[in-house]
Amino acid sequence: MLLAIEQGNTNTMFAVHDGERWIAQWRAATDSTRTADEYAVWLSQLLHMAGLQMGVLDECIISSVVPQSIFNLRNLARRYLHTEPLVIGENADLGIQVRIDKPSEAGADRLVNAIGAHVAYPGALIVIDSGTATTFDVVAADGAFEGGVIAPGINLSMEALHTAAAKLPRVAIQKPRRVVGKDTVTAMQSGVFWGYIALIEGLISRIKAEWDVPMTVIATGGVASLFHGATASIDHFDPDLTIRGMLEIHDRNRKKKS
């Protein structure tokens, strides 16, 4: 069975694939100091709760945007799964062109999303990933990664308002009933929510004008569902984009070896 580890700046996802489908998924807060042994204790308990054991995992793929964590995640695979993991950006062949000035700077998450989107949707694409940062990436019709835009994430913006302004409280992000707030909380919620809708719509419009080809827009990430129904600029909400991309990369590398 395959263990896929997708690590962002905020959360880390562990998922198990049995060769036909994903049978288990768990998330933990990202902690760059967590050791391989600590990961193993945590993971073994969750596997046990799902009726699985560490011994059934014999393959591993890792995508991480936290370089200092890769050493421990790799050791988790080597020490407890007895396998050499595929690591995006190191020993994994992605099977796509990265058409940016410095390909080594492309984040693993952005590349994985590009592949996950290309195998599911035809033509040129704009992939929006709403996480710690909000990224807008262009995927060519041939699957190549063409670059994109990186903006602060919506949670980061809300936290910055609270931290930098003494009288502004920490509030939950939600869609307000009206644009003009009648108190501080609803005014902040409106500014962040509708401000991000305007950011999304504006950048999509500018990207499409710059490329001048038909493009499908796919949104993913932990906050993407918040925007569902709030803008017609997004064609599809796809929460499985990243995990689909990791499985595709794993399959491509396994076929290459055989």
C-alpha atoms as a PDB file:
ATOM      1  CA  MET A   1       0.000   0.000   0.000  1.00  0.00           C
ATOM      2  CA  LEU A   2       1.030   3.566  -0.681  1.00  0.00           C
ATOM      3  CA  LEU A   3       1.478   6.210   2.008  1.00  0.00           C
ATOM      4  CA  ALA A   4       1.172   9.721   0.558  1.00  0.00           C
ATOM      5  CA  ILE A   5       2.403  12.613   2.707  1.00  0.00           C
ATOM      6  CA  GLU A   6       1.430  16.112   1.614  1.00  0.00           C
ATOM      7  CA  GLN A   7       2.896  18.798   3.856  1.00  0.00           C
ATOM      8  CA  GLY A   8       1.907  22.443   3.713  1.00  0.00           C
ATOM      9  CA  ASN A   9       2.990  25.287   5.941  1.00  0.00           C
ATOM     10  CA  THR A  10      -0.043  24.846   8.208  1.00  0.00           C
ATOM     11  CA  ASN A  11      -1.200  21.210   7.944  1.00  0.00           C
ATOM     12  CA  THR A  12       0.252  17.848   6.935  1.00  0.00           C
ATOM     13  CA  MET A  13      -1.919  15.169   5.369  1.00  0.00           C
ATOM     14  CA  PHE A  14      -1.195  11.430   5.510  1.00  0.00           C
ATOM     15  CA  ALA A  15      -3.258   9.244   3.169  1.00  0.00           C
ATOM     16  CA  VAL A  16      -3.261   5.518   2.396  1.00  0.00           C
ATOM     17  CA  HIS A  17      -4.027   4.080  -1.051  1.00  0.00           C
ATOM     18  CA  ASP A  18      -4.651   0.357  -1.438  1.00  0.00           C
ATOM     19  CA  GLY A  19      -4.035   0.225  -5.192  1.00  0.00           C
ATOM     20  CA  GLU A  20      -7.650   0.954  -6.091  1.00  0.00           C
ATOM     21  CA  ARG A  21      -8.799   3.780  -3.839  1.00  0.00           C
ATOM     22  CA  TRP A  22      -7.860   6.008  -0.931  1.00  0.00           C
ATOM     23  CA  ILE A  23      -8.920   4.151   2.195  1.00  0.00           C
ATOM     24  CA  ALA A  24      -7.755   6.519   4.950  1.00  0.00           C
ATOM     25  CA  GLN A  25      -6.720  10.162   5.394  1.00  0.00           C
ATOM     26  CA  TRP A  26      -5.513  12.085   8.433  1.00  0.00           C
ATOM     27  CA  ARG A  27      -4.267  15.604   9.078  1.00  0.00           C
ATOM     28  CA  ALA A  28      -1.888  17.014  11.667  1.00  0.00           C
ATOM     29  CA  ALA A  29      -0.534  20.484  12.356  1.00  0.00           C
ATOM     30  CA  THR A  30       2.767  20.977  10.546  1.00  0.00           C
ATOM     31  CA  ASP A  31       5.692  20.934  12.965  1.00  0.00           C
ATOM     32  CA  SER A  32       9.140  21.038  11.389  1.00  0.00           C
ATOM     33  CA  THR A  33      10.759  19.747  14.600  1.00  0.00           C
ATOM     34  CA  ARG A  34       8.741  16.509  14.750  1.00  0.00           C
ATOM     35  CA  THR A  35      11.044  13.503  14.455  1.00  0.00           C
ATOM     36  CA  ALA A  36      10.557  10.326  12.428  1.00  0.00           C
ATOM     37  CA  ASP A  37       9.905   8.411  15.654  1.00  0.00           C
ATOM     38  CA  GLU A  38       7.207  10.866  16.728  1.00  0.00           C
ATOM     39  CA  TYR A  39       5.537  10.602  13.316  1.00  0.00           C
ATOM     40  CA  ALA A  40       5.661   6.800  13.609  1.00  0.00           C
ATOM     41  CA  VAL A  41       3.952   6.732  17.020  1.00  0.00           C
ATOM     42  CA  TRP A  42       1.211   9.088  15.835  1.00  0.00           C
ATOM     43  CA  LEU A  43       0.711   7.266  12.526  1.00  0.00           C
ATOM     44  CA  SER A  44       0.702   3.766  14.021  1.00  0.00           C
ATOM     45  CA  GLN A  45      -2.113   4.721  16.384  1.00  0.00           C
ATOM     46  CA  LEU A  46      -4.243   6.105  13.555  1.00  0.00           C
ATOM     47  CA  LEU A  47      -3.542   3.064  11.394  1.00  0.00           C
ATOM     48  CA  HIS A  48      -4.616   0.810  14.255  1.00  0.00           C
ATOM     49  CA  MET A  49      -7.872   2.754  14.623  1.00  0.00           C
ATOM     50  CA  ALA A  50      -8.504   2.203  10.900  1.00  0.00           C
ATOM     51  CA  GLY A  51      -7.842  -1.545  11.188  1.00  0.00           C
ATOM     52  CA  LEU A  52      -4.426  -1.278   9.501  1.00  0.00           C
ATOM     53  CA  GLN A  53      -0.813  -1.809  10.528  1.00  0.00           C
ATOM     54  CA  MET A  54       2.420  -0.054   9.668  1.00  0.00           C
ATOM     55  CA  GLY A  55       3.628  -3.236   7.972  1.00  0.00           C
ATOM     56  CA  VAL A  56       1.077  -2.980   5.147  1.00  0.00           C
ATOM     57  CA  LEU A  57       2.658   0.252   3.904  1.00  0.00           C
ATOM     58  CA  ASP A  58       5.446  -0.549   1.455  1.00  0.00           C
ATOM     59  CA  GLU A  59       5.578   2.567  -0.744  1.00  0.00           C
ATOM     60  CA  CYS A  60       5.732   6.268   0.059  1.00  0.00           C
ATOM     61  CA  ILE A  61       5.555   9.601  -1.757  1.00  0.00           C
ATOM     62  CA  ILE A  62       6.289  12.939  -0.093  1.00  0.00           C
ATOM     63  CA  SER A  63       5.380  16.472  -1.158  1.00  0.00           C
ATOM     64  CA  SER A  64       6.537  19.165   1.252  1.00  0.00           C
ATOM     65  CA  VAL A  65       6.977  22.929   1.157  1.00  0.00           C
ATOM     66  CA  VAL A  66       8.860  22.788   4.488  1.00  0.00           C
ATOM     67  CA  PRO A  67      12.438  21.778   3.571  1.00  0.00           C
ATOM     68  CA  GLN A  68      13.550  21.211   7.180  1.00  0.00           C
ATOM     69  CA  SER A  69      10.867  18.518   7.595  1.00  0.00           C
ATOM     70  CA  ILE A  70      11.839  16.375   4.614  1.00  0.00           C
ATOM     71  CA  PHE A  71      14.727  14.711   6.465  1.00  0.00           C
ATOM     72  CA  ASN A  72      12.411  13.379   9.187  1.00  0.00           C
ATOM     73  CA  LEU A  73       9.660  12.359   6.754  1.00  0.00           C
ATOM     74  CA  ARG A  74      12.205  10.495   4.643  1.00  0.00           C
ATOM     75  CA  ASN A  75      13.503   8.732   7.751  1.00  0.00           C
ATOM     76  CA  LEU A  76       9.933   7.747   8.644  1.00  0.00           C
ATOM     77  CA  ALA A  77       9.663   5.922   5.302  1.00  0.00           C
ATOM     78  CA  ARG A  78      13.104   4.353   5.515  1.00  0.00           C
ATOM     79  CA  ARG A  79      12.967   3.273   9.156  1.00  0.00           C
ATOM     80  CA  TYR A  80       9.353   2.192   9.575  1.00  0.00           C
ATOM     81  CA  LEU A  81       8.130   1.428   6.044  1.00  0.00           C
ATOM     82  CA  HIS A  82      11.476   0.020   4.867  1.00  0.00           C
ATOM     83  CA  THR A  83      11.210   1.836   1.552  1.00  0.00           C
ATOM     84  CA  GLU A  84      12.947   4.712  -0.205  1.00  0.00           C
ATOM     85  CA  PRO A  85      10.294   7.421  -0.666  1.00  0.00           C
ATOM     86  CA  LEU A  86       9.628   9.416  -3.788  1.00  0.00           C
ATOM     87  CA  VAL A  87      10.209  13.068  -2.878  1.00  0.00           C
ATOM     88  CA  ILE A  88       8.776  15.790  -5.119  1.00  0.00           C
ATOM     89  CA  GLY A  89      11.609  18.057  -6.169  1.00  0.00           C
ATOM     90  CA  GLU A  90      14.309  15.465  -5.471  1.00  0.00           C
ATOM     91  CA  ASN A  91      14.025  11.951  -6.886  1.00  0.00           C
ATOM     92  CA  ALA A  92      10.497  11.966  -8.371  1.00  0.00           C
ATOM     93  CA  ASP A  93      10.107  12.326 -12.136  1.00  0.00           C
ATOM     94  CA  LEU A  94       7.051  14.526 -12.648  1.00  0.00           C
ATOM     95  CA  GLY A  95       6.715  13.902 -16.362  1.00  0.00           C
ATOM     96  CA  ILE A  96       5.933  17.557 -17.161  1.00  0.00           C
ATOM     97  CA  GLN A  97       7.878  20.607 -18.289  1.00  0.00           C
ATOM     98  CA  VAL A  98       8.339  23.440 -15.801  1.00  0.00           C
ATOM     99  CA  ARG A  99       8.460  26.530 -17.999  1.00  0.00           C
ATOM    100  CA  ILE A 100       9.640  29.156 -15.532  1.00  0.00           C
ATOM    101  CA  ASP A 101      12.968  30.971 -15.277  1.00  0.00           C
ATOM    102  CA  LYS A 102      14.135  28.957 -12.270  1.00  0.00           C
ATOM    103  CA  PRO A 103      12.351  25.566 -12.256  1.00  0.00           C
ATOM    104  CA  SER A 104      13.945  24.622  -8.927  1.00  0.00           C
ATOM    105  CA  GLU A 105      11.958  27.413  -7.242  1.00  0.00           C
ATOM    106  CA  ALA A 106       8.560  25.954  -8.132  1.00  0.00           C
ATOM    107  CA  GLY A 107       6.865  24.723  -4.954  1.00  0.00           C
ATOM    108  CA  ALA A 108       6.166  21.011  -4.711  1.00  0.00           C
ATOM    109  CA  ASP A 109       2.510  21.691  -3.917  1.00  0.00           C
ATOM    110  CA  ARG A 110       2.044  23.826  -7.018  1.00  0.00           C
ATOM    111  CA  LEU A 111       3.585  21.193  -9.292  1.00  0.00           C
ATOM    112  CA  VAL A 112       1.521  18.394  -7.768  1.00  0.00           C
ATOM    113  CA  ASN A 113      -1.646  20.458  -8.213  1.00  0.00           C
ATOM    114  CA  ALA A 114      -0.753  21.133 -11.840  1.00  0.00           C
ATOM    115  CA  ILE A 115      -0.493  17.406 -12.533  1.00  0.00           C
ATOM    116  CA  GLY A 116      -3.647  16.593 -10.573  1.00  0.00           C
ATOM    117  CA  ALA A 117      -5.556  19.199 -12.577  1.00  0.00           C
ATOM    118  CA  HIS A 118      -4.162  18.187 -15.975  1.00  0.00           C
ATOM    119  CA  VAL A 119      -5.157  14.531 -15.648  1.00  0.00           C
ATOM    120  CA  ALA A 120      -8.740  15.496 -14.771  1.00  0.00           C
ATOM    121  CA  TYR A 121      -9.493  18.542 -16.922  1.00  0.00           C
ATOM    122  CA  PRO A 122      -8.713  19.193 -20.614  1.00  0.00           C
ATOM    123  CA  GLY A 123      -7.156  22.305 -22.107  1.00  0.00           C
ATOM    124  CA  ALA A 124      -5.374  25.232 -20.502  1.00  0.00           C
ATOM    125  CA  LEU A 125      -6.081  25.681 -16.787  1.00  0.00           C
ATOM    126  CA  ILE A 126      -5.860  28.143 -13.928  1.00  0.00           C
ATOM    127  CA  VAL A 127      -5.436  26.330 -10.599  1.00  0.00           C
ATOM    128  CA  ILE A 128      -6.248  28.277  -7.426  1.00  0.00           C
ATOM    129  CA  ASP A 129      -5.017  26.803  -4.148  1.00  0.00           C
ATOM    130  CA  SER A 130      -6.272  28.537  -1.008  1.00  0.00           C
ATOM    131  CA  GLY A 131      -4.040  27.744   1.953  1.00  0.00           C
ATOM    132  CA  THR A 132      -1.456  29.662   3.961  1.00  0.00           C
ATOM    133  CA  ALA A 133      -0.836  31.430   0.664  1.00  0.00           C
ATOM    134  CA  THR A 134      -3.307  31.738  -2.191  1.00  0.00           C
ATOM    135  CA  THR A 135      -1.698  30.660  -5.456  1.00  0.00           C
ATOM    136  CA  PHE A 136      -2.953  31.059  -9.022  1.00  0.00           C
ATOM    137  CA  ASP A 137      -1.054  28.743 -11.364  1.00  0.00           C
ATOM    138  CA  VAL A 138      -1.282  28.352 -15.124  1.00  0.00           C
ATOM    139  CA  VAL A 139      -1.179  24.862 -16.623  1.00  0.00           C
ATOM    140  CA  ALA A 140      -0.785  24.632 -20.396  1.00  0.00           C
ATOM    141  CA  ALA A 141      -2.914  22.309 -22.503  1.00  0.00           C
ATOM    142  CA  ASP A 142       0.070  19.923 -22.741  1.00  0.00           C
ATOM    143  CA  GLY A 143       0.329  19.771 -18.919  1.00  0.00           C
ATOM    144  CA  ALA A 144       3.335  22.064 -18.554  1.00  0.00           C
ATOM    145  CA  PHE A 145       3.593  24.316 -15.507  1.00  0.00           C
ATOM    146  CA  GLU A 146       3.771  27.898 -16.811  1.00  0.00           C
ATOM    147  CA  GLY A 147       4.109  29.877 -13.583  1.00  0.00           C
ATOM    148  CA  GLY A 148       1.590  31.890 -11.639  1.00  0.00           C
ATOM    149  CA  VAL A 149       0.762  34.321  -8.857  1.00  0.00           C
ATOM    150  CA  ILE A 150       1.330  34.046  -5.090  1.00  0.00           C
ATOM    151  CA  ALA A 151      -0.767  36.137  -2.684  1.00  0.00           C
ATOM    152  CA  PRO A 152      -1.236  36.010   1.098  1.00  0.00           C
ATOM    153  CA  GLY A 153      -3.823  33.480   2.241  1.00  0.00           C
ATOM    154  CA  ILE A 154      -7.166  34.621   3.613  1.00  0.00           C
ATOM    155  CA  ASN A 155      -6.408  33.352   7.146  1.00  0.00           C
ATOM    156  CA  LEU A 156      -3.055  35.124   7.075  1.00  0.00           C
ATOM    157  CA  SER A 157      -4.744  38.379   6.091  1.00  0.00           C
ATOM    158  CA  MET A 158      -7.308  38.083   8.848  1.00  0.00           C
ATOM    159  CA  GLU A 159      -4.599  37.335  11.409  1.00  0.00           C
ATOM    160  CA  ALA A 160      -2.558  40.323  10.203  1.00  0.00           C
ATOM    161  CA  LEU A 161      -5.514  42.642  10.803  1.00  0.00           C
ATOM    162  CA  HIS A 162      -5.853  41.404  14.376  1.00  0.00           C
ATOM    163  CA  THR A 163      -2.114  41.471  15.108  1.00  0.00           C
ATOM    164  CA  ALA A 164      -1.289  44.867  13.613  1.00  0.00           C
ATOM    165  CA  ALA A 165      -4.345  46.826  14.722  1.00  0.00           C
ATOM    166  CA  ALA A 166      -4.834  47.067  18.496  1.00  0.00           C
ATOM    167  CA  LYS A 167      -8.622  47.524  18.376  1.00  0.00           C
ATOM    168  CA  LEU A 168      -9.437  44.853  15.794  1.00  0.00           C
ATOM    169  CA  PRO A 169     -10.457  41.481  17.264  1.00  0.00           C
ATOM    170  CA  ARG A 170      -9.669  37.996  15.994  1.00  0.00           C
ATOM    171  CA  VAL A 171     -12.776  36.846  14.101  1.00  0.00           C
ATOM    172  CA  ALA A 172     -13.888  33.746  12.207  1.00  0.00           C
ATOM    173  CA  ILE A 173     -13.889  33.867   8.429  1.00  0.00           C
ATOM    174  CA  GLN A 174     -17.349  33.501   6.946  1.00  0.00           C
ATOM    175  CA  LYS A 175     -19.475  34.905   4.159  1.00  0.00           C
ATOM    176  CA  PRO A 176     -21.247  38.016   5.491  1.00  0.00           C
ATOM    177  CA  ARG A 177     -24.913  38.588   4.688  1.00  0.00           C
ATOM    178  CA  ARG A 178     -24.167  42.029   3.247  1.00  0.00           C
ATOM    179  CA  VAL A 179     -21.123  43.882   1.930  1.00  0.00           C
ATOM    180  CA  VAL A 180     -21.374  46.900   4.226  1.00  0.00           C
ATOM    181  CA  GLY A 181     -20.782  45.796   7.815  1.00  0.00           C
ATOM    182  CA  LYS A 182     -22.715  47.370  10.674  1.00  0.00           C
ATOM    183  CA  ASP A 183     -20.101  46.581  13.326  1.00  0.00           C
ATOM    184  CA  THR A 184     -16.381  45.872  13.507  1.00  0.00           C
ATOM    185  CA  VAL A 185     -16.656  42.097  13.176  1.00  0.00           C
ATOM    186  CA  THR A 186     -18.940  42.089  10.133  1.00  0.00           C
ATOM    187  CA  ALA A 187     -16.908  44.894   8.543  1.00  0.00           C
ATOM    188  CA  MET A 188     -13.724  42.805   8.911  1.00  0.00           C
ATOM    189  CA  GLN A 189     -15.431  39.667   7.609  1.00  0.00           C
ATOM    190  CA  SER A 190     -16.765  41.550   4.619  1.00  0.00           C
ATOM    191  CA  GLY A 191     -13.435  43.154   3.836  1.00  0.00           C
ATOM    192  CA  VAL A 192     -11.561  39.874   3.881  1.00  0.00           C
ATOM    193  CA  PHE A 193     -14.227  37.694   2.228  1.00  0.00           C
ATOM    194  CA  TRP A 194     -15.337  40.054  -0.545  1.00  0.00           C
ATOM    195  CA  GLY A 195     -11.813  41.379  -0.865  1.00  0.00           C
ATOM    196  CA  TYR A 196     -10.641  37.859  -1.705  1.00  0.00           C
ATOM    197  CA  ILE A 197     -13.509  37.348  -4.128  1.00  0.00           C
ATOM    198  CA  ALA A 198     -12.409  40.549  -5.873  1.00  0.00           C
ATOM    199  CA  LEU A 199      -8.789  39.312  -5.822  1.00  0.00           C
ATOM    200  CA  ILE A 200      -9.824  35.995  -7.369  1.00  0.00           C
ATOM    201  CA  GLU A 201     -12.034  37.547 -10.029  1.00  0.00           C
ATOM    202  CA  GLY A 202      -9.506  40.239 -10.876  1.00  0.00           C
ATOM    203  CA  LEU A 203      -6.524  37.924 -11.225  1.00  0.00           C
ATOM    204  CA  ILE A 204      -8.479  35.351 -13.224  1.00  0.00           C
ATOM    205  CA  SER A 205      -9.577  38.106 -15.610  1.00  0.00           C
ATOM    206  CA  ARG A 206      -6.033  39.424 -16.002  1.00  0.00           C
ATOM    207  CA  ILE A 207      -4.511  35.967 -16.501  1.00  0.00           C
ATOM    208  CA  LYS A 208      -7.091  35.095 -19.163  1.00  0.00           C
ATOM    209  CA  ALA A 209      -6.494  38.412 -20.935  1.00  0.00           C
ATOM    210  CA  GLU A 210      -2.728  37.850 -20.870  1.00  0.00           C
ATOM    211  CA  TRP A 211      -2.938  34.289 -22.247  1.00  0.00           C
ATOM    212  CA  ASP A 212      -5.833  34.929 -24.630  1.00  0.00           C
ATOM    213  CA  VAL A 213      -6.906  31.268 -24.824  1.00  0.00           C
ATOM    214  CA  PRO A 214      -9.919  29.457 -23.322  1.00  0.00           C
ATOM    215  CA  MET A 215      -9.042  28.460 -19.750  1.00  0.00           C
ATOM    216  CA  THR A 216     -10.828  26.365 -17.137  1.00  0.00           C
ATOM    217  CA  VAL A 217     -10.518  27.545 -13.519  1.00  0.00           C
ATOM    218  CA  ILE A 218     -10.224  24.963 -10.724  1.00  0.00           C
ATOM    219  CA  ALA A 219     -10.083  25.820  -7.016  1.00  0.00           C
ATOM    220  CA  THR A 220      -8.739  23.586  -4.260  1.00  0.00           C
ATOM    221  CA  GLY A 221      -7.342  23.913  -0.748  1.00  0.00           C
ATOM    222  CA  GLY A 222      -8.758  24.107   2.747  1.00  0.00           C
ATOM    223  CA  VAL A 223     -10.468  27.482   2.299  1.00  0.00           C
ATOM    224  CA  ALA A 224     -11.698  27.008  -1.275  1.00  0.00           C
ATOM    225  CA  SER A 225     -15.122  25.722  -0.200  1.00  0.00           C
ATOM    226  CA  LEU A 226     -15.738  29.087   1.481  1.00  0.00           C
ATOM    227  CA  PHE A 227     -15.946  30.712  -1.956  1.00  0.00           C
ATOM    228  CA  HIS A 228     -18.323  28.122  -3.433  1.00  0.00           C
ATOM    229  CA  GLY A 229     -21.295  29.895  -4.950  1.00  0.00           C
ATOM    230  CA  ALA A 230     -19.828  33.354  -4.302  1.00  0.00           C
ATOM    231  CA  THR A 231     -18.259  33.845  -7.738  1.00  0.00           C
ATOM    232  CA  ALA A 232     -18.923  32.596 -11.245  1.00  0.00           C
ATOM    233  CA  SER A 233     -15.232  32.922 -12.127  1.00  0.00           C
ATOM    234  CA  ILE A 234     -14.414  29.476 -10.676  1.00  0.00           C
ATOM    235  CA  ASP A 235     -15.565  26.569 -12.847  1.00  0.00           C
ATOM    236  CA  HIS A 236     -14.838  23.646 -10.482  1.00  0.00           C
ATOM    237  CA  PHE A 237     -14.115  23.135  -6.782  1.00  0.00           C
ATOM    238  CA  ASP A 238     -11.937  20.038  -6.464  1.00  0.00           C
ATOM    239  CA  PRO A 239     -10.756  19.051  -2.954  1.00  0.00           C
ATOM    240  CA  ASP A 240      -8.949  15.961  -4.305  1.00  0.00           C
ATOM    241  CA  LEU A 241      -6.648  17.818  -6.709  1.00  0.00           C
ATOM    242  CA  THR A 242      -3.446  17.430  -4.685  1.00  0.00           C
ATOM    243  CA  ILE A 243      -3.911  13.814  -3.703  1.00  0.00           C
ATOM    244  CA  ARG A 244      -4.809  12.934  -7.308  1.00  0.00           C
ATOM    245  CA  GLY A 245      -1.590  14.570  -8.477  1.00  0.00           C
ATOM    246  CA  MET A 246       0.508  12.626  -5.961  1.00  0.00           C
ATOM    247  CA  LEU A 247      -1.037   9.328  -7.043  1.00  0.00           C
ATOM    248  CA  GLU A 248      -0.393  10.177 -10.706  1.00  0.00           C
ATOM    249  CA  ILE A 249       3.274  10.990  -9.991  1.00  0.00           C
ATOM    250  CA  HIS A 250       3.665   7.749  -8.051  1.00  0.00           C
ATOM    251  CA  ASP A 251       2.114   5.751 -10.909  1.00  0.00           C
ATOM    252  CA  ARG A 252       4.317   7.437 -13.520  1.00  0.00           C
ATOM    253  CA  ASN A 253       7.486   6.643 -11.569  1.00  0.00           C
ATOM    254  CA  ARG A 254       6.431   3.046 -10.878  1.00  0.00           C
ATOM    255  CA  LYS A 255       5.756   2.447 -14.590  1.00  0.00           C
ATOM    256  CA  LYS A 256       9.096   4.009 -15.467  1.00  0.00           C
ATOM    257  CA  LYS A 257      10.898   1.506 -13.218  1.00  0.00           C
ATOM    258  CA  SER A 258       9.072  -1.543 -14.554  1.00  0.00           C
END
